[in-house]
Amino acid sequence: MYTTINFPTKKALKEAVAKGDTVRIYQPGGIFTPPESSSDYTGTAYVEGPHYPKAHSWYATVELINGKVVKVK
């Protein structure tokens, strides 16, 4: 899954979440939509970046509350 903002690094993702930016996640393609990508999901999800077609260079475990990323591990 990806974040709605195409962060170039995991550090950039962490900084955005720490300063209170609204960051959500989604699953591209539309064939399989996991529950983690719903707008009201609360729990753990796994994201990667940067977005395709660039090679993924970072991966993160994130905590979501009501679909918003609140913590990056």
PDB file of N, CA and C in Angstrom:
ATOM      1  N   MET A   1       0.833  -1.173   0.000  1.00  0.00           N
ATOM      2  CA  MET A   1       0.000   0.000   0.000  1.00  0.00           C
ATOM      3  C   MET A   1       0.879   1.236   0.000  1.00  0.00           C
ATOM      4  N   TYR A   2       0.303   2.325  -0.431  1.00  0.00           N
ATOM      5  CA  TYR A   2       1.008   3.598  -0.519  1.00  0.00           C
ATOM      6  C   TYR A   2       0.342   4.655   0.358  1.00  0.00           C
ATOM      7  N   THR A   3       1.091   5.698   0.674  1.00  0.00           N
ATOM      8  CA  THR A   3       0.494   6.865   1.325  1.00  0.00           C
ATOM      9  C   THR A   3      -0.061   7.782   0.232  1.00  0.00           C
ATOM     10  N   THR A   4      -1.036   8.597   0.575  1.00  0.00           N
ATOM     11  CA  THR A   4      -1.633   9.490  -0.420  1.00  0.00           C
ATOM     12  C   THR A   4      -0.643  10.535  -0.914  1.00  0.00           C
ATOM     13  N   ILE A   5       0.344  10.845  -0.116  1.00  0.00           N
ATOM     14  CA  ILE A   5       1.424  11.749  -0.519  1.00  0.00           C
ATOM     15  C   ILE A   5       2.614  10.870  -0.898  1.00  0.00           C
ATOM     16  N   ASN A   6       3.253  11.170  -2.011  1.00  0.00           N
ATOM     17  CA  ASN A   6       4.375  10.359  -2.479  1.00  0.00           C
ATOM     18  C   ASN A   6       5.663  10.797  -1.789  1.00  0.00           C
ATOM     19  N   PHE A   7       5.908  10.268  -0.595  1.00  0.00           N
ATOM     20  CA  PHE A   7       7.104  10.633   0.162  1.00  0.00           C
ATOM     21  C   PHE A   7       8.338   9.958  -0.431  1.00  0.00           C
ATOM     22  N   PRO A   8       9.431  10.713  -0.614  1.00  0.00           N
ATOM     23  CA  PRO A   8      10.643  10.114  -1.184  1.00  0.00           C
ATOM     24  C   PRO A   8      11.389   9.233  -0.184  1.00  0.00           C
ATOM     25  N   THR A   9      11.176   9.497   1.133  1.00  0.00           N
ATOM     26  CA  THR A   9      11.875   8.734   2.167  1.00  0.00           C
ATOM     27  C   THR A   9      10.938   8.456   3.339  1.00  0.00           C
ATOM     28  N   LYS A  10      11.291   7.461   4.120  1.00  0.00           N
ATOM     29  CA  LYS A  10      10.541   7.159   5.333  1.00  0.00           C
ATOM     30  C   LYS A  10      10.679   8.316   6.319  1.00  0.00           C
ATOM     31  N   LYS A  11      11.836   8.939   6.342  1.00  0.00           N
ATOM     32  CA  LYS A  11      12.058  10.090   7.218  1.00  0.00           C
ATOM     33  C   LYS A  11      11.066  11.211   6.897  1.00  0.00           C
ATOM     34  N   ALA A  12      10.833  11.469   5.627  1.00  0.00           N
ATOM     35  CA  ALA A  12       9.887  12.516   5.217  1.00  0.00           C
ATOM     36  C   ALA A  12       8.474  12.169   5.685  1.00  0.00           C
ATOM     37  N   LEU A  13       8.108  10.902   5.616  1.00  0.00           N
ATOM     38  CA  LEU A  13       6.810  10.449   6.111  1.00  0.00           C
ATOM     39  C   LEU A  13       6.709  10.695   7.611  1.00  0.00           C
ATOM     40  N   LYS A  14       7.731  10.299   8.356  1.00  0.00           N
ATOM     41  CA  LYS A  14       7.738  10.492   9.808  1.00  0.00           C
ATOM     42  C   LYS A  14       7.605  11.966  10.176  1.00  0.00           C
ATOM     43  N   GLU A  15       8.328  12.823   9.468  1.00  0.00           N
ATOM     44  CA  GLU A  15       8.287  14.253   9.754  1.00  0.00           C
ATOM     45  C   GLU A  15       6.897  14.833   9.487  1.00  0.00           C
ATOM     46  N   ALA A  16       6.257  14.425   8.411  1.00  0.00           N
ATOM     47  CA  ALA A  16       4.919  14.918   8.081  1.00  0.00           C
ATOM     48  C   ALA A  16       3.908  14.505   9.141  1.00  0.00           C
ATOM     49  N   VAL A  17       3.985  13.266   9.592  1.00  0.00           N
ATOM     50  CA  VAL A  17       3.064  12.781  10.622  1.00  0.00           C
ATOM     51  C   VAL A  17       3.334  13.501  11.942  1.00  0.00           C
ATOM     52  N   ALA A  18       4.609  13.702  12.279  1.00  0.00           N
ATOM     53  CA  ALA A  18       4.967  14.377  13.529  1.00  0.00           C
ATOM     54  C   ALA A  18       4.463  15.817  13.576  1.00  0.00           C
ATOM     55  N   LYS A  19       4.453  16.499  12.443  1.00  0.00           N
ATOM     56  CA  LYS A  19       3.986  17.892  12.448  1.00  0.00           C
ATOM     57  C   LYS A  19       2.473  18.008  12.274  1.00  0.00           C
ATOM     58  N   GLY A  20       1.789  16.865  12.152  1.00  0.00           N
ATOM     59  CA  GLY A  20       0.334  16.875  12.127  1.00  0.00           C
ATOM     60  C   GLY A  20      -0.317  16.898  10.767  1.00  0.00           C
ATOM     61  N   ASP A  21       0.449  16.689   9.699  1.00  0.00           N
ATOM     62  CA  ASP A  21      -0.140  16.625   8.359  1.00  0.00           C
ATOM     63  C   ASP A  21      -1.085  15.428   8.266  1.00  0.00           C
ATOM     64  N   THR A  22      -2.158  15.568   7.506  1.00  0.00           N
ATOM     65  CA  THR A  22      -3.078  14.456   7.287  1.00  0.00           C
ATOM     66  C   THR A  22      -2.510  13.538   6.223  1.00  0.00           C
ATOM     67  N   VAL A  23      -2.191  12.331   6.632  1.00  0.00           N
ATOM     68  CA  VAL A  23      -1.642  11.328   5.721  1.00  0.00           C
ATOM     69  C   VAL A  23      -2.552  10.111   5.787  1.00  0.00           C
ATOM     70  N   ARG A  24      -3.013   9.675   4.641  1.00  0.00           N
ATOM     71  CA  ARG A  24      -3.857   8.486   4.546  1.00  0.00           C
ATOM     72  C   ARG A  24      -3.173   7.478   3.629  1.00  0.00           C
ATOM     73  N   ILE A  25      -3.706   6.271   3.562  1.00  0.00           N
ATOM     74  CA  ILE A  25      -3.107   5.236   2.727  1.00  0.00           C
ATOM     75  C   ILE A  25      -4.137   4.704   1.743  1.00  0.00           C
ATOM     76  N   TYR A  26      -3.630   4.060   0.685  1.00  0.00           N
ATOM     77  CA  TYR A  26      -4.522   3.451  -0.299  1.00  0.00           C
ATOM     78  C   TYR A  26      -3.821   2.292  -0.992  1.00  0.00           C
ATOM     79  N   GLN A  27      -4.645   1.450  -1.595  1.00  0.00           N
ATOM     80  CA  GLN A  27      -4.144   0.324  -2.383  1.00  0.00           C
ATOM     81  C   GLN A  27      -4.418   0.627  -3.847  1.00  0.00           C
ATOM     82  N   PRO A  28      -3.383   0.815  -4.677  1.00  0.00           N
ATOM     83  CA  PRO A  28      -3.627   1.097  -6.090  1.00  0.00           C
ATOM     84  C   PRO A  28      -4.161  -0.136  -6.828  1.00  0.00           C
ATOM     85  N   GLY A  29      -4.796   0.112  -7.936  1.00  0.00           N
ATOM     86  CA  GLY A  29      -5.244  -0.986  -8.785  1.00  0.00           C
ATOM     87  C   GLY A  29      -6.718  -1.285  -8.704  1.00  0.00           C
ATOM     88  N   GLY A  30      -7.310  -1.228  -7.531  1.00  0.00           N
ATOM     89  CA  GLY A  30      -8.733  -1.414  -7.384  1.00  0.00           C
ATOM     90  C   GLY A  30      -9.248  -2.837  -7.451  1.00  0.00           C
ATOM     91  N   ILE A  31      -8.405  -3.811  -7.769  1.00  0.00           N
ATOM     92  CA  ILE A  31      -8.871  -5.201  -7.851  1.00  0.00           C
ATOM     93  C   ILE A  31      -9.068  -5.762  -6.443  1.00  0.00           C
ATOM     94  N   PHE A  32      -8.111  -5.529  -5.593  1.00  0.00           N
ATOM     95  CA  PHE A  32      -8.174  -5.992  -4.206  1.00  0.00           C
ATOM     96  C   PHE A  32      -8.075  -4.778  -3.303  1.00  0.00           C
ATOM     97  N   THR A  33      -9.099  -4.536  -2.509  1.00  0.00           N
ATOM     98  CA  THR A  33      -9.089  -3.392  -1.593  1.00  0.00           C
ATOM     99  C   THR A  33      -9.081  -3.918  -0.170  1.00  0.00           C
ATOM    100  N   PRO A  34      -7.923  -3.901   0.480  1.00  0.00           N
ATOM    101  CA  PRO A  34      -7.845  -4.406   1.852  1.00  0.00           C
ATOM    102  C   PRO A  34      -8.565  -3.462   2.822  1.00  0.00           C
ATOM    103  N   PRO A  35      -9.021  -3.973   3.945  1.00  0.00           N
ATOM    104  CA  PRO A  35      -9.731  -3.129   4.903  1.00  0.00           C
ATOM    105  C   PRO A  35      -8.884  -1.974   5.432  1.00  0.00           C
ATOM    106  N   GLU A  36      -7.564  -2.138   5.442  1.00  0.00           N
ATOM    107  CA  GLU A  36      -6.678  -1.094   5.947  1.00  0.00           C
ATOM    108  C   GLU A  36      -6.779   0.200   5.141  1.00  0.00           C
ATOM    109  N   SER A  37      -7.219   0.115   3.901  1.00  0.00           N
ATOM    110  CA  SER A  37      -7.285   1.306   3.058  1.00  0.00           C
ATOM    111  C   SER A  37      -8.624   2.037   3.160  1.00  0.00           C
ATOM    112  N   SER A  38      -9.537   1.547   4.004  1.00  0.00           N
ATOM    113  CA  SER A  38     -10.821   2.233   4.154  1.00  0.00           C
ATOM    114  C   SER A  38     -10.654   3.504   4.987  1.00  0.00           C
ATOM    115  N   SER A  39     -11.539   4.450   4.779  1.00  0.00           N
ATOM    116  CA  SER A  39     -11.411   5.768   5.415  1.00  0.00           C
ATOM    117  C   SER A  39     -11.676   5.758   6.913  1.00  0.00           C
ATOM    118  N   ASP A  40     -12.223   4.672   7.448  1.00  0.00           N
ATOM    119  CA  ASP A  40     -12.507   4.630   8.881  1.00  0.00           C
ATOM    120  C   ASP A  40     -11.714   3.547   9.617  1.00  0.00           C
ATOM    121  N   TYR A  41     -10.686   3.003   8.972  1.00  0.00           N
ATOM    122  CA  TYR A  41      -9.900   1.917   9.568  1.00  0.00           C
ATOM    123  C   TYR A  41      -9.056   2.415  10.736  1.00  0.00           C
ATOM    124  N   THR A  42      -9.041   1.623  11.815  1.00  0.00           N
ATOM    125  CA  THR A  42      -8.167   1.884  12.954  1.00  0.00           C
ATOM    126  C   THR A  42      -7.365   0.614  13.199  1.00  0.00           C
ATOM    127  N   GLY A  43      -6.037   0.745  13.207  1.00  0.00           N
ATOM    128  CA  GLY A  43      -5.169  -0.409  13.412  1.00  0.00           C
ATOM    129  C   GLY A  43      -3.825  -0.231  12.734  1.00  0.00           C
ATOM    130  N   THR A  44      -3.178  -1.345  12.415  1.00  0.00           N
ATOM    131  CA  THR A  44      -1.850  -1.367  11.824  1.00  0.00           C
ATOM    132  C   THR A  44      -1.926  -1.647  10.327  1.00  0.00           C
ATOM    133  N   ALA A  45      -1.035  -1.000   9.574  1.00  0.00           N
ATOM    134  CA  ALA A  45      -0.930  -1.259   8.134  1.00  0.00           C
ATOM    135  C   ALA A  45       0.541  -1.156   7.733  1.00  0.00           C
ATOM    136  N   TYR A  46       0.834  -1.601   6.530  1.00  0.00           N
ATOM    137  CA  TYR A  46       2.192  -1.602   6.012  1.00  0.00           C
ATOM    138  C   TYR A  46       2.215  -0.842   4.693  1.00  0.00           C
ATOM    139  N   VAL A  47       3.145   0.099   4.581  1.00  0.00           N
ATOM    140  CA  VAL A  47       3.225   0.932   3.381  1.00  0.00           C
ATOM    141  C   VAL A  47       4.635   0.901   2.813  1.00  0.00           C
ATOM    142  N   GLU A  48       4.738   1.353   1.560  1.00  0.00           N
ATOM    143  CA  GLU A  48       6.028   1.381   0.883  1.00  0.00           C
ATOM    144  C   GLU A  48       6.107   2.620   0.009  1.00  0.00           C
ATOM    145  N   GLY A  49       7.309   2.979  -0.345  1.00  0.00           N
ATOM    146  CA  GLY A  49       7.468   4.146  -1.203  1.00  0.00           C
ATOM    147  C   GLY A  49       8.872   4.209  -1.752  1.00  0.00           C
ATOM    148  N   PRO A  50       9.127   5.111  -2.637  1.00  0.00           N
ATOM    149  CA  PRO A  50       8.159   5.993  -3.265  1.00  0.00           C
ATOM    150  C   PRO A  50       7.230   5.213  -4.194  1.00  0.00           C
ATOM    151  N   HIS A  51       6.258   5.904  -4.764  1.00  0.00           N
ATOM    152  CA  HIS A  51       5.256   5.265  -5.606  1.00  0.00           C
ATOM    153  C   HIS A  51       5.873   4.687  -6.880  1.00  0.00           C
ATOM    154  N   TYR A  52       5.230   3.650  -7.399  1.00  0.00           N
ATOM    155  CA  TYR A  52       5.581   3.084  -8.695  1.00  0.00           C
ATOM    156  C   TYR A  52       5.434   4.190  -9.737  1.00  0.00           C
ATOM    157  N   PRO A  53       6.308   4.334 -10.685  1.00  0.00           N
ATOM    158  CA  PRO A  53       7.253   3.359 -11.228  1.00  0.00           C
ATOM    159  C   PRO A  53       8.651   3.423 -10.618  1.00  0.00           C
ATOM    160  N   LYS A  54       8.875   4.327  -9.666  1.00  0.00           N
ATOM    161  CA  LYS A  54      10.186   4.336  -9.011  1.00  0.00           C
ATOM    162  C   LYS A  54      10.329   3.082  -8.161  1.00  0.00           C
ATOM    163  N   ALA A  55      11.561   2.645  -7.993  1.00  0.00           N
ATOM    164  CA  ALA A  55      11.822   1.475  -7.160  1.00  0.00           C
ATOM    165  C   ALA A  55      11.530   1.811  -5.700  1.00  0.00           C
ATOM    166  N   HIS A  56      10.882   0.894  -5.000  1.00  0.00           N
ATOM    167  CA  HIS A  56      10.608   1.117  -3.587  1.00  0.00           C
ATOM    168  C   HIS A  56      11.922   1.082  -2.821  1.00  0.00           C
ATOM    169  N   SER A  57      12.160   2.115  -2.038  1.00  0.00           N
ATOM    170  CA  SER A  57      13.408   2.187  -1.272  1.00  0.00           C
ATOM    171  C   SER A  57      13.145   2.242   0.223  1.00  0.00           C
ATOM    172  N   TRP A  58      11.879   2.342   0.622  1.00  0.00           N
ATOM    173  CA  TRP A  58      11.566   2.315   2.046  1.00  0.00           C
ATOM    174  C   TRP A  58      10.234   1.594   2.286  1.00  0.00           C
ATOM    175  N   TYR A  59      10.133   1.042   3.482  1.00  0.00           N
ATOM    176  CA  TYR A  59       8.935   0.328   3.918  1.00  0.00           C
ATOM    177  C   TYR A  59       8.677   0.742   5.353  1.00  0.00           C
ATOM    178  N   ALA A  60       7.403   0.827   5.744  1.00  0.00           N
ATOM    179  CA  ALA A  60       7.096   1.258   7.101  1.00  0.00           C
ATOM    180  C   ALA A  60       5.840   0.564   7.617  1.00  0.00           C
ATOM    181  N   THR A  61       5.814   0.382   8.909  1.00  0.00           N
ATOM    182  CA  THR A  61       4.622  -0.048   9.609  1.00  0.00           C
ATOM    183  C   THR A  61       3.999   1.206  10.180  1.00  0.00           C
ATOM    184  N   VAL A  62       2.704   1.403   9.933  1.00  0.00           N
ATOM    185  CA  VAL A  62       2.046   2.617  10.417  1.00  0.00           C
ATOM    186  C   VAL A  62       0.831   2.250  11.255  1.00  0.00           C
ATOM    187  N   GLU A  63       0.513   3.124  12.192  1.00  0.00           N
ATOM    188  CA  GLU A  63      -0.696   3.004  12.986  1.00  0.00           C
ATOM    189  C   GLU A  63      -1.687   4.035  12.485  1.00  0.00           C
ATOM    190  N   LEU A  64      -2.933   3.610  12.287  1.00  0.00           N
ATOM    191  CA  LEU A  64      -3.978   4.499  11.793  1.00  0.00           C
ATOM    192  C   LEU A  64      -5.115   4.607  12.809  1.00  0.00           C
ATOM    193  N   ILE A  65      -5.706   5.785  12.874  1.00  0.00           N
ATOM    194  CA  ILE A  65      -6.926   6.011  13.633  1.00  0.00           C
ATOM    195  C   ILE A  65      -7.901   6.687  12.679  1.00  0.00           C
ATOM    196  N   ASN A  66      -9.037   6.030  12.452  1.00  0.00           N
ATOM    197  CA  ASN A  66     -10.044   6.528  11.504  1.00  0.00           C
ATOM    198  C   ASN A  66      -9.440   6.858  10.144  1.00  0.00           C
ATOM    199  N   GLY A  67      -8.551   5.998   9.674  1.00  0.00           N
ATOM    200  CA  GLY A  67      -7.961   6.149   8.341  1.00  0.00           C
ATOM    201  C   GLY A  67      -6.805   7.109   8.243  1.00  0.00           C
ATOM    202  N   LYS A  68      -6.446   7.774   9.322  1.00  0.00           N
ATOM    203  CA  LYS A  68      -5.349   8.750   9.307  1.00  0.00           C
ATOM    204  C   LYS A  68      -4.118   8.148   9.988  1.00  0.00           C
ATOM    205  N   VAL A  69      -2.951   8.298   9.330  1.00  0.00           N
ATOM    206  CA  VAL A  69      -1.704   7.804   9.926  1.00  0.00           C
ATOM    207  C   VAL A  69      -1.350   8.680  11.124  1.00  0.00           C
ATOM    208  N   VAL A  70      -1.179   8.037  12.293  1.00  0.00           N
ATOM    209  CA  VAL A  70      -0.844   8.778  13.505  1.00  0.00           C
ATOM    210  C   VAL A  70       0.529   8.412  14.064  1.00  0.00           C
ATOM    211  N   LYS A  71       1.090   7.295  13.567  1.00  0.00           N
ATOM    212  CA  LYS A  71       2.414   6.874  14.049  1.00  0.00           C
ATOM    213  C   LYS A  71       3.108   6.072  12.969  1.00  0.00           C
ATOM    214  N   VAL A  72       4.403   6.290  12.838  1.00  0.00           N
ATOM    215  CA  VAL A  72       5.232   5.537  11.888  1.00  0.00           C
ATOM    216  C   VAL A  72       6.297   4.810  12.693  1.00  0.00           C
ATOM    217  N   LYS A  73       6.409   3.507  12.478  1.00  0.00           N
ATOM    218  CA  LYS A  73       7.402   2.696  13.202  1.00  0.00           C
ATOM    219  C   LYS A  73       8.587   2.416  12.332  1.00  0.00           C
TER     220      LYS A  73
END
